[in-house]
Structure formats: structure tokens, C-alpha cells
C-alpha atoms as a PDB file:
ATOM      1  CA  UNK A   1     -10.444 -15.194  -6.522  1.00  0.00           C
ATOM      2  CA  UNK A   2      -7.616 -12.889  -7.661  1.00  0.00           C
ATOM      3  CA  UNK A   3      -5.554 -15.819  -8.891  1.00  0.00           C
ATOM      4  CA  UNK A   4      -8.472 -17.016 -11.000  1.00  0.00           C
ATOM      5  CA  UNK A   5      -8.993 -13.676 -12.774  1.00  0.00           C
ATOM      6  CA  UNK A   6      -5.360 -12.551 -12.810  1.00  0.00           C
ATOM      7  CA  UNK A   7      -3.190 -15.635 -13.534  1.00  0.00           C
ATOM      8  CA  UNK A   8       0.446 -15.265 -12.571  1.00  0.00           C
ATOM      9  CA  UNK A   9      -0.344 -13.228  -9.464  1.00  0.00           C
ATOM     10  CA  UNK A  10       1.218 -14.151  -6.136  1.00  0.00           C
ATOM     11  CA  UNK A  11      -0.501 -14.207  -2.762  1.00  0.00           C
ATOM     12  CA  UNK A  12       1.319 -15.558   0.301  1.00  0.00           C
ATOM     13  CA  UNK A  13      -0.253 -15.804   3.730  1.00  0.00           C
ATOM     14  CA  UNK A  14       1.602 -16.608   6.944  1.00  0.00           C
ATOM     15  CA  UNK A  15      -0.327 -17.612  10.045  1.00  0.00           C
ATOM     16  CA  UNK A  16       0.633 -18.893  13.482  1.00  0.00           C
ATOM     17  CA  UNK A  17      -0.877 -22.346  13.846  1.00  0.00           C
ATOM     18  CA  UNK A  18      -0.176 -22.839  17.529  1.00  0.00           C
ATOM     19  CA  UNK A  19      -3.217 -24.278  19.203  1.00  0.00           C
ATOM     20  CA  UNK A  20      -2.431 -22.939  22.674  1.00  0.00           C
ATOM     21  CA  UNK A  21      -5.337 -20.520  22.558  1.00  0.00           C
ATOM     22  CA  UNK A  22      -7.336 -22.697  20.111  1.00  0.00           C
ATOM     23  CA  UNK A  23      -7.238 -20.147  17.280  1.00  0.00           C
ATOM     24  CA  UNK A  24      -4.916 -19.298  14.444  1.00  0.00           C
ATOM     25  CA  UNK A  25      -3.225 -15.897  14.378  1.00  0.00           C
ATOM     26  CA  UNK A  26      -2.590 -13.791  11.259  1.00  0.00           C
ATOM     27  CA  UNK A  27       1.064 -12.814  10.894  1.00  0.00           C
ATOM     28  CA  UNK A  28       1.808 -11.647   7.342  1.00  0.00           C
ATOM     29  CA  UNK A  29       0.365 -11.385   3.853  1.00  0.00           C
ATOM     30  CA  UNK A  30       2.151 -10.720   0.549  1.00  0.00           C
ATOM     31  CA  UNK A  31       0.159  -9.583  -2.502  1.00  0.00           C
ATOM     32  CA  UNK A  32       1.472  -9.089  -6.036  1.00  0.00           C
ATOM     33  CA  UNK A  33      -0.701  -8.849  -9.169  1.00  0.00           C
ATOM     34  CA  UNK A  34       0.512 -10.091 -12.556  1.00  0.00           C
ATOM     35  CA  UNK A  35      -0.987  -7.053 -14.324  1.00  0.00           C
ATOM     36  CA  UNK A  36       1.076  -4.716 -12.133  1.00  0.00           C
ATOM     37  CA  UNK A  37       4.217  -6.774 -12.783  1.00  0.00           C
ATOM     38  CA  UNK A  38       3.674  -6.450 -16.541  1.00  0.00           C
ATOM     39  CA  UNK A  39       2.980  -2.725 -16.286  1.00  0.00           C
ATOM     40  CA  UNK A  40       6.187  -2.222 -14.317  1.00  0.00           C
ATOM     41  CA  UNK A  41       8.278  -4.203 -16.818  1.00  0.00           C
ATOM     42  CA  UNK A  42       6.945  -2.392 -19.886  1.00  0.00           C
ATOM     43  CA  UNK A  43       6.002   1.073 -18.653  1.00  0.00           C
ATOM     44  CA  UNK A  44       8.131   2.065 -15.671  1.00  0.00           C
ATOM     45  CA  UNK A  45      11.658   3.156 -14.965  1.00  0.00           C
ATOM     46  CA  UNK A  46      13.882   0.309 -13.701  1.00  0.00           C
ATOM     47  CA  UNK A  47      13.889   1.588 -10.111  1.00  0.00           C
ATOM     48  CA  UNK A  48      11.854   0.207  -7.210  1.00  0.00           C
ATOM     49  CA  UNK A  49      10.978   2.398  -4.233  1.00  0.00           C
ATOM     50  CA  UNK A  50      10.217   0.904  -0.822  1.00  0.00           C
ATOM     51  CA  UNK A  51       7.845   2.349   1.744  1.00  0.00           C
ATOM     52  CA  UNK A  52       6.444   1.259   5.097  1.00  0.00           C
ATOM     53  CA  UNK A  53       3.630   2.806   7.126  1.00  0.00           C
ATOM     54  CA  UNK A  54       1.282   2.077  10.007  1.00  0.00           C
ATOM     55  CA  UNK A  55      -2.257   0.853   9.392  1.00  0.00           C
ATOM     56  CA  UNK A  56      -5.105   2.233  11.471  1.00  0.00           C
ATOM     57  CA  UNK A  57      -6.468  -0.921  13.029  1.00  0.00           C
ATOM     58  CA  UNK A  58      -6.879  -2.333  16.513  1.00  0.00           C
ATOM     59  CA  UNK A  59      -4.190  -4.936  15.759  1.00  0.00           C
ATOM     60  CA  UNK A  60      -1.339  -2.563  14.855  1.00  0.00           C
ATOM     61  CA  UNK A  61      -0.231  -4.063  11.547  1.00  0.00           C
ATOM     62  CA  UNK A  62       2.037  -2.254   9.147  1.00  0.00           C
ATOM     63  CA  UNK A  63       1.958  -1.936   5.369  1.00  0.00           C
ATOM     64  CA  UNK A  64       5.092  -2.504   3.276  1.00  0.00           C
ATOM     65  CA  UNK A  65       5.038  -1.354  -0.357  1.00  0.00           C
ATOM     66  CA  UNK A  66       7.272  -1.737  -3.392  1.00  0.00           C
ATOM     67  CA  UNK A  67       6.488   0.922  -5.987  1.00  0.00           C
ATOM     68  CA  UNK A  68       7.630   1.932  -9.444  1.00  0.00           C
ATOM     69  CA  UNK A  69       7.464   5.226 -11.318  1.00  0.00           C
ATOM     70  CA  UNK A  70       6.338   5.567 -14.932  1.00  0.00           C
ATOM     71  CA  UNK A  71       7.403   8.138 -17.521  1.00  0.00           C
ATOM     72  CA  UNK A  72       4.774  10.644 -16.308  1.00  0.00           C
ATOM     73  CA  UNK A  73       6.015  10.422 -12.685  1.00  0.00           C
ATOM     74  CA  UNK A  74       2.945   8.434 -11.618  1.00  0.00           C
ATOM     75  CA  UNK A  75       3.474   5.932  -8.812  1.00  0.00           C
ATOM     76  CA  UNK A  76       2.591   2.286  -9.501  1.00  0.00           C
ATOM     77  CA  UNK A  77       2.321  -0.220  -6.644  1.00  0.00           C
ATOM     78  CA  UNK A  78       4.194  -3.376  -7.593  1.00  0.00           C
ATOM     79  CA  UNK A  79       3.744  -5.450  -4.447  1.00  0.00           C
ATOM     80  CA  UNK A  80       2.425  -4.982  -0.943  1.00  0.00           C
ATOM     81  CA  UNK A  81       2.582  -6.816   2.338  1.00  0.00           C
ATOM     82  CA  UNK A  82       0.696  -6.475   5.589  1.00  0.00           C
ATOM     83  CA  UNK A  83       3.000  -7.495   8.439  1.00  0.00           C
ATOM     84  CA  UNK A  84       2.784  -7.684  12.205  1.00  0.00           C
ATOM     85  CA  UNK A  85       5.555  -5.123  12.785  1.00  0.00           C
ATOM     86  CA  UNK A  86       8.110  -3.267  10.663  1.00  0.00           C
ATOM     87  CA  UNK A  87      11.500  -4.749  11.503  1.00  0.00           C
ATOM     88  CA  UNK A  88      14.473  -6.323   9.745  1.00  0.00           C
ATOM     89  CA  UNK A  89      12.863  -9.776   9.664  1.00  0.00           C
ATOM     90  CA  UNK A  90       9.662  -8.590   7.960  1.00  0.00           C
ATOM     91  CA  UNK A  91      11.505  -6.437   5.421  1.00  0.00           C
ATOM     92  CA  UNK A  92      13.804  -9.381   4.656  1.00  0.00           C
ATOM     93  CA  UNK A  93      10.766 -11.646   4.133  1.00  0.00           C
ATOM     94  CA  UNK A  94       9.087  -9.065   1.857  1.00  0.00           C
ATOM     95  CA  UNK A  95      12.202  -8.386  -0.224  1.00  0.00           C
ATOM     96  CA  UNK A  96      13.030 -12.087  -0.552  1.00  0.00           C
ATOM     97  CA  UNK A  97       9.540 -12.785  -1.935  1.00  0.00           C
ATOM     98  CA  UNK A  98       9.824  -9.779  -4.243  1.00  0.00           C
ATOM     99  CA  UNK A  99      13.241 -10.928  -5.490  1.00  0.00           C
ATOM    100  CA  UNK A 100      12.074 -14.515  -6.026  1.00  0.00           C
ATOM    101  CA  UNK A 101       8.993 -13.469  -8.001  1.00  0.00           C
ATOM    102  CA  UNK A 102      10.909 -11.008 -10.182  1.00  0.00           C
ATOM    103  CA  UNK A 103      13.767 -13.430 -10.836  1.00  0.00           C
ATOM    104  CA  UNK A 104      11.250 -15.895 -12.250  1.00  0.00           C
ATOM    105  CA  UNK A 105       9.830 -13.234 -14.575  1.00  0.00           C
ATOM    106  CA  UNK A 106      13.015 -11.878 -16.139  1.00  0.00           C
END
């Protein structure tokens, strides 16, 4: 739905498709809106801040954020990811997607 109303947005979903327990398991999700990309390019300082925090859920996921700051010191979320655990592998995955998307834009 987001891709239909916000063309140029990126949504990536990673699931475990092993059929050992006969169900798929959510692993990671990356979410980046085109409108936020444009706002960052034209209204924010050229610095990206990174942040990770726990989510209150029975599954123990974590939220990874990339944020920008505009001229009025307001924070603007650029991209977010929900991952299974905060570790080097998940940060590498998040930053690689972020780098790939931004390289295509500039």
C-alpha cells in the first residue's frame, strides 16, 4: 500500500522459510519512504544519526533508526528497520540497504 501511494519508497522483508515447524518466521524489515528521502536531501544537514532500541513485544525485536536533523534542530526519521537482535550482522544489513538506496538517489 505504501509503495502505491509513495512511489520510490523501499520496503524489504526477510523471513525464515524453513518448514521444520511448518510456519515462516519473521526476521527483519527495512522501511524507507521516498517523501522522507526527499525531505532529508533538501531540508536537512548532511549528517545521519544512528540509533537502536528495544521494542516492547513478546518477541524481543529491536528497532534501528537512521535520522537526520533539519535547520530548526528537529529530528527526521530517514529509514527504520525492525530486526531480531541488535548485533553487527543486523547493523551491517541495515547500513548496506541504506547505502544502496542513497547511492541510487544521488
